[in-house]
Amino acid sequence: MSTGPWSPLTRSLSETPRSTPSGLRGGDSISPGEIEEFLYQHLAIRDVQVIGVPVSKYGVELGACIIVRPGHGLTADDVQAFCRDQIAHYKIPRFV
């Protein structure tokens, strides 16, 4: 049984190498690893996993599962504002 990066036995995400994009969003190829590397630049982010969330309009929207460093505060709006004007608009996680 393949569960991808999610392990039901440990109930956690595991490191999974990615060699291909997770999918397409409205025809645009998206690499989760590229977006994760960018998000790691934010000082409040300790760990991040970018996932594809199925939606009917575009096929896939991006979600970012984030662990915040102790002593820092971070909202979804903060993450999206950090991404704005830095990466392509379709690479900004819609779900945080």
N, C-alpha and C. Protein backbone atom coordinates (compact mmCIF):
# COMPACT_ATOMS: atom_id res chain seq x y z
N MET A 1 0.85 -1.18 0.00
CA MET A 1 0.00 0.00 0.00
C MET A 1 0.89 1.24 0.00
N SER A 2 0.70 2.10 -0.97
CA SER A 2 1.48 3.33 -1.05
C SER A 2 0.65 4.50 -0.54
N THR A 3 1.22 5.25 0.39
CA THR A 3 0.49 6.39 0.95
C THR A 3 1.15 7.71 0.59
N GLY A 4 2.20 7.68 -0.25
CA GLY A 4 2.92 8.91 -0.57
C GLY A 4 3.66 9.38 0.65
N PRO A 5 3.75 10.70 0.84
CA PRO A 5 4.51 11.20 1.98
C PRO A 5 3.81 11.03 3.32
N TRP A 6 2.52 10.71 3.32
CA TRP A 6 1.77 10.58 4.56
C TRP A 6 1.90 9.16 5.08
N SER A 7 2.27 9.00 6.33
CA SER A 7 2.40 7.68 6.94
C SER A 7 1.31 7.51 8.00
N PRO A 8 0.33 6.63 7.74
CA PRO A 8 -0.74 6.44 8.72
C PRO A 8 -0.23 5.76 10.00
N LEU A 9 0.90 5.08 9.92
CA LEU A 9 1.43 4.40 11.10
C LEU A 9 2.00 5.39 12.11
N THR A 10 2.69 6.41 11.62
CA THR A 10 3.28 7.40 12.53
C THR A 10 2.45 8.68 12.58
N ARG A 11 1.44 8.77 11.71
CA ARG A 11 0.58 9.95 11.62
C ARG A 11 1.40 11.22 11.41
N SER A 12 2.34 11.14 10.50
CA SER A 12 3.18 12.30 10.21
C SER A 12 3.61 12.28 8.75
N LEU A 13 4.15 13.41 8.32
CA LEU A 13 4.70 13.51 6.98
C LEU A 13 6.13 13.03 7.01
N SER A 14 6.54 12.35 5.97
CA SER A 14 7.92 11.89 5.88
C SER A 14 8.60 12.58 4.71
N GLU A 15 9.91 12.61 4.73
CA GLU A 15 10.66 13.20 3.64
C GLU A 15 10.55 12.30 2.42
N THR A 16 10.08 12.84 1.33
CA THR A 16 9.95 12.09 0.10
C THR A 16 10.60 12.90 -1.02
N PRO A 17 11.62 12.34 -1.68
CA PRO A 17 12.22 13.10 -2.77
C PRO A 17 11.24 13.32 -3.90
N ARG A 18 11.29 14.48 -4.50
CA ARG A 18 10.38 14.80 -5.58
C ARG A 18 11.17 15.06 -6.85
N SER A 19 10.88 14.30 -7.87
CA SER A 19 11.57 14.50 -9.13
C SER A 19 10.64 15.07 -10.19
N THR A 20 9.33 15.05 -9.91
CA THR A 20 8.38 15.55 -10.89
C THR A 20 7.41 16.50 -10.21
N PRO A 21 6.78 17.38 -10.98
CA PRO A 21 5.77 18.27 -10.40
C PRO A 21 4.62 17.47 -9.82
N SER A 22 3.98 18.02 -8.79
CA SER A 22 2.86 17.31 -8.18
C SER A 22 1.64 17.36 -9.07
N GLY A 23 1.58 18.29 -9.98
CA GLY A 23 0.43 18.37 -10.84
C GLY A 23 0.37 19.67 -11.59
N LEU A 24 -0.76 19.86 -12.18
CA LEU A 24 -0.98 21.07 -12.96
C LEU A 24 -2.06 21.90 -12.31
N ARG A 25 -1.91 23.19 -12.37
CA ARG A 25 -2.94 24.11 -11.90
C ARG A 25 -3.31 24.97 -13.08
N GLY A 26 -4.46 24.73 -13.65
CA GLY A 26 -4.90 25.50 -14.80
C GLY A 26 -3.92 25.44 -15.96
N GLY A 27 -3.20 24.33 -16.11
CA GLY A 27 -2.25 24.17 -17.19
C GLY A 27 -0.82 24.53 -16.83
N ASP A 28 -0.60 25.11 -15.65
CA ASP A 28 0.75 25.47 -15.19
C ASP A 28 1.34 24.34 -14.36
N SER A 29 2.55 23.93 -14.71
CA SER A 29 3.25 22.89 -13.95
C SER A 29 3.81 23.49 -12.67
N ILE A 30 3.60 22.79 -11.55
CA ILE A 30 4.00 23.32 -10.24
C ILE A 30 4.91 22.32 -9.55
N SER A 31 6.05 22.81 -9.06
CA SER A 31 7.00 21.98 -8.31
C SER A 31 6.91 22.34 -6.83
N PRO A 32 6.39 21.44 -5.99
CA PRO A 32 6.30 21.73 -4.55
C PRO A 32 7.65 22.04 -3.92
N GLY A 33 8.69 21.32 -4.35
CA GLY A 33 10.02 21.53 -3.80
C GLY A 33 10.53 22.95 -3.99
N GLU A 34 10.26 23.52 -5.15
CA GLU A 34 10.67 24.90 -5.44
C GLU A 34 9.99 25.88 -4.49
N ILE A 35 8.71 25.67 -4.24
CA ILE A 35 7.95 26.56 -3.36
C ILE A 35 8.39 26.38 -1.91
N GLU A 36 8.66 25.14 -1.51
CA GLU A 36 9.16 24.88 -0.16
C GLU A 36 10.50 25.58 0.07
N GLU A 37 11.41 25.50 -0.89
CA GLU A 37 12.70 26.18 -0.77
C GLU A 37 12.52 27.67 -0.58
N PHE A 38 11.58 28.25 -1.33
CA PHE A 38 11.32 29.68 -1.19
C PHE A 38 10.77 29.99 0.21
N LEU A 39 9.80 29.21 0.68
CA LEU A 39 9.18 29.48 1.97
C LEU A 39 10.14 29.32 3.13
N TYR A 40 11.14 28.45 2.99
CA TYR A 40 12.14 28.28 4.06
C TYR A 40 12.93 29.56 4.30
N GLN A 41 12.88 30.52 3.39
CA GLN A 41 13.57 31.79 3.57
C GLN A 41 12.90 32.67 4.63
N HIS A 42 11.64 32.38 4.93
CA HIS A 42 10.91 33.16 5.94
C HIS A 42 11.43 32.76 7.33
N LEU A 43 11.81 33.73 8.12
CA LEU A 43 12.43 33.47 9.42
C LEU A 43 11.52 32.75 10.41
N ALA A 44 10.21 32.87 10.26
CA ALA A 44 9.28 32.24 11.20
C ALA A 44 8.97 30.79 10.86
N ILE A 45 9.39 30.33 9.68
CA ILE A 45 9.05 28.97 9.25
C ILE A 45 10.15 27.99 9.63
N ARG A 46 9.78 27.02 10.46
CA ARG A 46 10.72 25.97 10.85
C ARG A 46 10.69 24.80 9.88
N ASP A 47 9.48 24.42 9.45
CA ASP A 47 9.33 23.32 8.50
C ASP A 47 8.11 23.57 7.64
N VAL A 48 8.15 23.09 6.40
CA VAL A 48 7.03 23.30 5.49
C VAL A 48 6.92 22.13 4.53
N GLN A 49 5.69 21.79 4.19
CA GLN A 49 5.40 20.75 3.20
C GLN A 49 4.32 21.33 2.28
N VAL A 50 4.60 21.43 1.00
CA VAL A 50 3.62 21.95 0.05
C VAL A 50 2.92 20.77 -0.61
N ILE A 51 1.60 20.85 -0.64
CA ILE A 51 0.79 19.76 -1.18
C ILE A 51 -0.18 20.30 -2.21
N GLY A 52 -0.69 19.41 -3.05
CA GLY A 52 -1.73 19.76 -4.00
C GLY A 52 -3.08 19.42 -3.41
N VAL A 53 -3.98 20.38 -3.45
CA VAL A 53 -5.33 20.19 -2.93
C VAL A 53 -6.29 20.18 -4.13
N PRO A 54 -6.99 19.07 -4.36
CA PRO A 54 -7.89 18.99 -5.51
C PRO A 54 -9.04 20.01 -5.42
N VAL A 55 -9.25 20.75 -6.49
CA VAL A 55 -10.37 21.67 -6.60
C VAL A 55 -10.95 21.54 -8.00
N SER A 56 -12.22 21.88 -8.16
CA SER A 56 -12.86 21.68 -9.46
C SER A 56 -12.44 22.71 -10.51
N LYS A 57 -12.19 23.96 -10.11
CA LYS A 57 -11.93 25.02 -11.09
C LYS A 57 -10.59 24.86 -11.80
N TYR A 58 -9.49 24.66 -11.05
CA TYR A 58 -8.15 24.59 -11.65
C TYR A 58 -7.56 23.19 -11.64
N GLY A 59 -8.21 22.23 -11.03
CA GLY A 59 -7.67 20.89 -10.90
C GLY A 59 -6.93 20.72 -9.59
N VAL A 60 -5.97 21.62 -9.33
CA VAL A 60 -5.18 21.57 -8.10
C VAL A 60 -4.89 22.99 -7.64
N GLU A 61 -5.05 23.22 -6.35
CA GLU A 61 -4.59 24.46 -5.71
C GLU A 61 -3.51 24.05 -4.72
N LEU A 62 -2.63 24.98 -4.38
CA LEU A 62 -1.55 24.67 -3.46
C LEU A 62 -1.94 24.89 -2.02
N GLY A 63 -1.47 23.99 -1.18
CA GLY A 63 -1.60 24.13 0.25
C GLY A 63 -0.22 24.04 0.88
N ALA A 64 0.02 24.78 1.94
CA ALA A 64 1.29 24.73 2.64
C ALA A 64 1.03 24.36 4.10
N CYS A 65 1.59 23.22 4.52
CA CYS A 65 1.51 22.79 5.91
C CYS A 65 2.79 23.31 6.58
N ILE A 66 2.63 24.22 7.52
CA ILE A 66 3.78 24.93 8.08
C ILE A 66 3.89 24.70 9.58
N ILE A 67 5.13 24.46 10.03
CA ILE A 67 5.44 24.44 11.46
C ILE A 67 6.19 25.74 11.73
N VAL A 68 5.65 26.53 12.65
CA VAL A 68 6.22 27.84 12.97
C VAL A 68 7.26 27.70 14.07
N ARG A 69 8.33 28.47 13.95
CA ARG A 69 9.38 28.46 14.98
C ARG A 69 8.80 28.98 16.30
N PRO A 70 9.25 28.42 17.42
CA PRO A 70 8.79 28.91 18.72
C PRO A 70 9.08 30.40 18.87
N GLY A 71 8.12 31.11 19.43
CA GLY A 71 8.28 32.54 19.67
C GLY A 71 7.91 33.42 18.49
N HIS A 72 7.51 32.81 17.37
CA HIS A 72 7.11 33.57 16.19
C HIS A 72 5.61 33.38 15.96
N GLY A 73 5.00 34.38 15.38
CA GLY A 73 3.62 34.29 14.97
C GLY A 73 3.55 34.34 13.46
N LEU A 74 2.64 33.60 12.86
CA LEU A 74 2.53 33.56 11.41
C LEU A 74 1.11 33.22 11.03
N THR A 75 0.51 34.02 10.16
CA THR A 75 -0.83 33.76 9.67
C THR A 75 -0.77 33.40 8.19
N ALA A 76 -1.88 32.90 7.67
CA ALA A 76 -1.97 32.60 6.24
C ALA A 76 -1.73 33.87 5.42
N ASP A 77 -2.28 34.98 5.88
CA ASP A 77 -2.07 36.25 5.18
C ASP A 77 -0.60 36.65 5.17
N ASP A 78 0.12 36.39 6.28
CA ASP A 78 1.55 36.69 6.34
C ASP A 78 2.31 35.89 5.28
N VAL A 79 1.98 34.61 5.17
CA VAL A 79 2.67 33.74 4.20
C VAL A 79 2.38 34.20 2.78
N GLN A 80 1.12 34.49 2.49
CA GLN A 80 0.76 34.93 1.14
C GLN A 80 1.37 36.28 0.81
N ALA A 81 1.45 37.19 1.78
CA ALA A 81 2.08 38.49 1.55
C ALA A 81 3.58 38.33 1.30
N PHE A 82 4.22 37.39 2.01
CA PHE A 82 5.64 37.11 1.81
C PHE A 82 5.90 36.62 0.39
N CYS A 83 4.97 35.83 -0.15
CA CYS A 83 5.12 35.27 -1.49
C CYS A 83 4.82 36.29 -2.59
N ARG A 84 3.89 37.20 -2.32
CA ARG A 84 3.45 38.16 -3.33
C ARG A 84 4.63 38.97 -3.86
N ASP A 85 4.69 39.13 -5.15
CA ASP A 85 5.75 39.87 -5.86
C ASP A 85 7.11 39.19 -5.77
N GLN A 86 7.18 37.99 -5.21
CA GLN A 86 8.43 37.24 -5.13
C GLN A 86 8.40 36.01 -6.02
N ILE A 87 7.24 35.35 -6.08
CA ILE A 87 7.09 34.17 -6.93
C ILE A 87 5.82 34.36 -7.77
N ALA A 88 5.67 33.55 -8.80
CA ALA A 88 4.51 33.64 -9.69
C ALA A 88 3.22 33.49 -8.90
N HIS A 89 2.20 34.23 -9.29
CA HIS A 89 0.94 34.24 -8.53
C HIS A 89 0.31 32.86 -8.40
N TYR A 90 0.48 32.01 -9.40
CA TYR A 90 -0.12 30.68 -9.33
C TYR A 90 0.66 29.73 -8.41
N LYS A 91 1.84 30.15 -7.94
CA LYS A 91 2.63 29.34 -7.02
C LYS A 91 2.41 29.73 -5.55
N ILE A 92 1.63 30.76 -5.30
CA ILE A 92 1.34 31.18 -3.94
C ILE A 92 0.32 30.23 -3.33
N PRO A 93 0.63 29.59 -2.20
CA PRO A 93 -0.32 28.65 -1.59
C PRO A 93 -1.64 29.33 -1.23
N ARG A 94 -2.71 28.73 -1.69
CA ARG A 94 -4.04 29.26 -1.38
C ARG A 94 -4.48 28.82 0.02
N PHE A 95 -4.08 27.62 0.39
CA PHE A 95 -4.43 27.07 1.70
C PHE A 95 -3.18 26.99 2.56
N VAL A 96 -3.23 27.60 3.74
CA VAL A 96 -2.07 27.61 4.64
C VAL A 96 -2.55 27.14 6.01
